[in-house]
Amino acid sequence: AKTMEHIGDRIRIARLNLELSQSALAKRANVSQGTIGQLESGRNQSSAKIVELASALNVSPEWLLYGKNPPSVFQKPENIETSESYITSEISAVALKKEFLKAQGFDVDYVDFIRCKDESMSPTISIFDDVAFSRLDKVKHENGVFVIKRSSGLIFIRRTILDSTQKWIYRCDNLDKTRFSDVDAIESDEILGRVIWRGGLNSFNL
């Protein structure tokens, strides 16, 4: 098998994996389509926009640059129910308008739902709130709220924070730190996606 020679090969593979055109990727990464074309053909080897490209392609910057740590597998969510205008899932009591999601720049095919099972993220996300998350957005970033799966199968929602030693930790928004203390991120954790919407009785401030 031909070894991948340069960044451009990996960009192209990841882009085709997501079924994105060069222009769609360019828009998502906020670069020109010409830049994508030059990178993929190998005429441009610049690493200037690597973080943006990696984020848009849902792969690690290290993988794009050096081919290390293969990218995660992209999975479209299962058990999503979709109509012409709305998307929901079997476990969700709410439906979101596709128009609303598109206006926010989210790819409807990769939006999934989960229900918050505890008070760890209160008041941001309350217990039993319906939560929508984007399975395309898996790159941890400072202060993002993500749905995380442990190798044990446990799934939880946490805020990702870089501590003073540049290690990732998960933080709860609940101020009761005796019950909801920070925990270290573990290599084997799988980021399922970033939380993009939450709703429940509390969102109406009743």
Protein backbone atom coordinates (compact mmCIF):
# COMPACT_ATOMS: atom_id res chain seq x y z
CA ALA A 1 0.00 0.00 0.00
CA LYS A 2 1.17 3.50 -0.79
CA THR A 3 2.15 5.35 2.36
CA MET A 4 0.52 8.71 2.74
CA GLU A 5 3.08 11.25 1.63
CA HIS A 6 1.81 14.53 2.93
CA ILE A 7 -0.81 16.52 4.80
CA GLY A 8 -2.89 16.89 1.66
CA ASP A 9 -3.47 13.15 1.29
CA ARG A 10 -4.80 12.98 4.84
CA ILE A 11 -6.97 16.06 4.36
CA ARG A 12 -8.48 14.48 1.24
CA ILE A 13 -9.10 11.12 2.95
CA ALA A 14 -10.78 12.75 5.95
CA ARG A 15 -12.82 15.03 3.70
CA LEU A 16 -14.10 12.16 1.55
CA ASN A 17 -14.81 10.20 4.69
CA LEU A 18 -17.21 12.98 5.70
CA GLU A 19 -18.59 13.24 2.16
CA LEU A 20 -17.65 16.92 2.03
CA SER A 21 -16.78 18.80 -1.14
CA GLN A 22 -13.67 20.98 -1.13
CA SER A 23 -15.86 24.06 -0.92
CA ALA A 24 -17.91 22.65 1.97
CA LEU A 25 -14.72 21.90 3.89
CA ALA A 26 -13.33 25.34 3.07
CA LYS A 27 -16.47 26.96 4.47
CA ARG A 28 -16.39 24.82 7.60
CA ALA A 29 -12.69 25.53 8.26
CA ASN A 30 -13.01 29.19 7.29
CA VAL A 31 -10.33 29.01 4.57
CA SER A 32 -10.51 29.53 0.82
CA GLN A 33 -11.34 26.65 -1.48
CA GLY A 34 -8.07 27.39 -3.30
CA THR A 35 -6.17 26.64 -0.09
CA ILE A 36 -7.85 23.23 0.23
CA GLY A 37 -7.06 22.47 -3.43
CA GLN A 38 -3.41 23.46 -3.01
CA LEU A 39 -3.03 21.46 0.20
CA GLU A 40 -4.62 18.34 -1.28
CA SER A 41 -2.49 18.49 -4.43
CA GLY A 42 0.65 18.93 -2.33
CA ARG A 43 1.49 22.35 -3.80
CA ASN A 44 0.98 23.90 -0.37
CA GLN A 45 2.51 22.20 2.70
CA SER A 46 1.73 25.00 5.12
CA SER A 47 0.52 24.05 8.59
CA ALA A 48 -0.97 27.50 9.23
CA LYS A 49 -4.61 26.41 9.33
CA ILE A 50 -4.07 22.91 10.71
CA VAL A 51 -6.07 23.42 13.91
CA GLU A 52 -9.06 24.80 11.99
CA LEU A 53 -8.86 22.04 9.39
CA ALA A 54 -8.49 19.31 12.01
CA SER A 55 -11.49 20.65 13.86
CA ALA A 56 -13.55 20.87 10.66
CA LEU A 57 -12.57 17.31 9.72
CA ASN A 58 -12.99 15.98 13.25
CA VAL A 59 -9.44 14.61 13.38
CA SER A 60 -6.45 15.47 15.54
CA PRO A 61 -3.98 18.13 14.32
CA GLU A 62 -1.19 15.58 15.01
CA TRP A 63 -2.77 13.15 12.58
CA LEU A 64 -3.05 15.76 9.82
CA LEU A 65 0.54 16.91 10.35
CA TYR A 66 2.36 13.65 10.97
CA GLY A 67 -0.09 10.80 10.36
CA LYS A 68 0.14 9.81 14.03
CA ASN A 69 -2.84 8.60 16.07
CA PRO A 70 -5.38 7.59 13.45
CA PRO A 71 -8.48 9.76 13.34
CA SER A 72 -11.63 8.64 15.07
CA VAL A 73 -14.33 6.90 13.10
CA PHE A 74 -17.20 9.15 12.07
CA GLN A 75 -20.52 7.72 13.02
CA LYS A 76 -23.83 9.13 12.09
CA PRO A 77 -26.18 8.69 15.04
CA GLU A 78 -28.60 5.80 14.97
CA ASN A 79 -32.21 5.88 16.21
CA ILE A 80 -32.67 9.44 14.97
CA GLU A 81 -36.15 10.19 13.71
CA THR A 82 -36.25 12.78 11.03
CA SER A 83 -39.04 14.52 9.16
CA GLU A 84 -38.87 17.18 6.49
CA SER A 85 -38.51 19.96 9.04
CA TYR A 86 -37.55 18.36 12.34
CA ILE A 87 -35.15 15.92 13.91
CA THR A 88 -35.59 14.04 17.17
CA SER A 89 -34.72 10.65 18.65
CA GLU A 90 -36.49 7.82 20.46
CA ILE A 91 -35.07 8.97 23.79
CA SER A 92 -35.85 12.65 23.38
CA ALA A 93 -39.06 14.39 24.33
CA VAL A 94 -38.17 17.35 22.11
CA ALA A 95 -37.58 17.87 18.41
CA LEU A 96 -35.31 20.48 16.87
CA LYS A 97 -35.99 22.32 13.65
CA LYS A 98 -33.47 21.51 10.94
CA GLU A 99 -33.59 25.17 9.93
CA PHE A 100 -32.52 26.21 13.43
CA LEU A 101 -29.59 23.76 13.41
CA LYS A 102 -28.46 24.78 9.93
CA ALA A 103 -28.63 28.45 10.88
CA GLN A 104 -26.25 27.68 13.76
CA GLY A 105 -23.92 25.91 11.33
CA PHE A 106 -24.54 22.34 12.54
CA ASP A 107 -24.67 19.34 10.24
CA VAL A 108 -28.13 17.86 10.84
CA ASP A 109 -26.92 14.34 9.95
CA TYR A 110 -24.59 14.32 12.94
CA VAL A 111 -26.83 15.78 15.66
CA ASP A 112 -27.72 13.30 18.39
CA PHE A 113 -29.73 13.44 21.61
CA ILE A 114 -29.18 12.40 25.20
CA ARG A 115 -31.02 13.04 28.45
CA CYS A 116 -29.15 14.49 31.40
CA LYS A 117 -29.37 11.99 34.26
CA ASP A 118 -27.99 13.95 37.20
CA GLU A 119 -27.42 17.41 38.64
CA SER A 120 -23.70 17.58 37.90
CA MET A 121 -24.10 20.30 35.25
CA SER A 122 -26.77 22.31 37.02
CA PRO A 123 -27.67 25.18 36.55
CA THR A 124 -26.37 25.05 32.94
CA ILE A 125 -28.08 21.72 32.28
CA SER A 126 -30.69 20.49 34.73
CA ILE A 127 -31.53 16.92 35.63
CA PHE A 128 -33.81 15.30 33.00
CA ASP A 129 -33.10 18.06 30.47
CA ASP A 130 -33.00 16.95 26.84
CA VAL A 131 -29.60 17.67 25.35
CA ALA A 132 -28.59 17.78 21.69
CA PHE A 133 -24.95 17.26 20.74
CA SER A 134 -22.95 17.29 17.54
CA ARG A 135 -21.04 14.09 16.80
CA LEU A 136 -18.86 16.04 14.35
CA ASP A 137 -17.41 18.20 17.09
CA LYS A 138 -15.17 15.91 19.12
CA VAL A 139 -12.02 17.96 19.51
CA LYS A 140 -11.72 18.99 23.16
CA HIS A 141 -11.38 22.71 23.61
CA GLU A 142 -11.11 25.00 26.60
CA ASN A 143 -14.45 25.45 28.34
CA GLY A 144 -16.48 23.37 25.89
CA VAL A 145 -19.30 21.16 27.16
CA PHE A 146 -19.05 17.60 25.84
CA VAL A 147 -20.78 14.24 26.07
CA ILE A 148 -18.08 11.79 27.16
CA LYS A 149 -18.06 7.99 27.25
CA ARG A 150 -15.76 6.03 29.54
CA SER A 151 -14.45 2.59 28.56
CA SER A 152 -16.76 1.20 31.27
CA GLY A 153 -19.69 2.39 29.16
CA LEU A 154 -20.55 5.24 31.53
CA ILE A 155 -21.72 8.34 29.65
CA PHE A 156 -21.66 11.79 31.24
CA ILE A 157 -21.72 15.47 30.35
CA ARG A 158 -18.84 17.68 31.50
CA ARG A 159 -17.02 20.89 30.76
CA THR A 160 -13.45 20.38 29.46
CA ILE A 161 -10.80 22.56 31.11
CA LEU A 162 -7.03 22.73 30.61
CA ASP A 163 -5.41 22.86 34.05
CA SER A 164 -2.22 24.74 34.92
CA THR A 165 -0.08 21.79 33.80
CA GLN A 166 -1.86 21.67 30.40
CA LYS A 167 -3.72 18.47 31.29
CA TRP A 168 -7.41 18.08 30.43
CA ILE A 169 -9.83 17.81 33.30
CA TYR A 170 -13.62 17.49 33.37
CA ARG A 171 -15.47 20.00 35.45
CA CYS A 172 -19.06 20.04 36.66
CA ASP A 173 -20.96 23.32 36.65
CA ASN A 174 -22.66 22.34 39.92
CA LEU A 175 -21.04 24.36 42.71
CA ASP A 176 -21.36 21.51 45.22
CA LYS A 177 -17.75 20.36 44.75
CA THR A 178 -17.95 17.74 47.52
CA ARG A 179 -20.36 15.79 45.30
CA PHE A 180 -19.18 17.00 41.92
CA SER A 181 -15.42 17.41 41.96
CA ASP A 182 -13.07 17.74 38.97
CA VAL A 183 -11.86 14.51 37.41
CA ASP A 184 -8.93 13.88 35.10
CA ALA A 185 -9.56 13.05 31.47
CA ILE A 186 -8.33 9.55 30.58
CA GLU A 187 -6.74 8.46 27.30
CA SER A 188 -9.42 5.79 26.77
CA ASP A 189 -12.31 8.26 27.12
CA GLU A 190 -14.30 8.76 23.95
CA ILE A 191 -15.68 12.21 23.23
CA LEU A 192 -19.09 11.51 21.66
CA GLY A 193 -19.71 15.13 20.72
CA ARG A 194 -20.15 18.70 21.86
CA VAL A 195 -23.36 19.88 23.49
CA ILE A 196 -25.09 22.38 21.21
CA TRP A 197 -28.53 22.75 22.80
CA ARG A 198 -30.37 21.89 25.96
CA GLY A 199 -33.97 22.25 26.92
CA GLY A 200 -36.35 21.25 29.65
CA LEU A 201 -38.89 22.77 31.97
CA ASN A 202 -36.22 25.07 33.37
CA SER A 203 -35.50 26.69 30.04
CA PHE A 204 -38.85 28.44 30.32
CA ASN A 205 -38.02 29.86 33.76
CA LEU A 206 -41.38 28.75 35.11
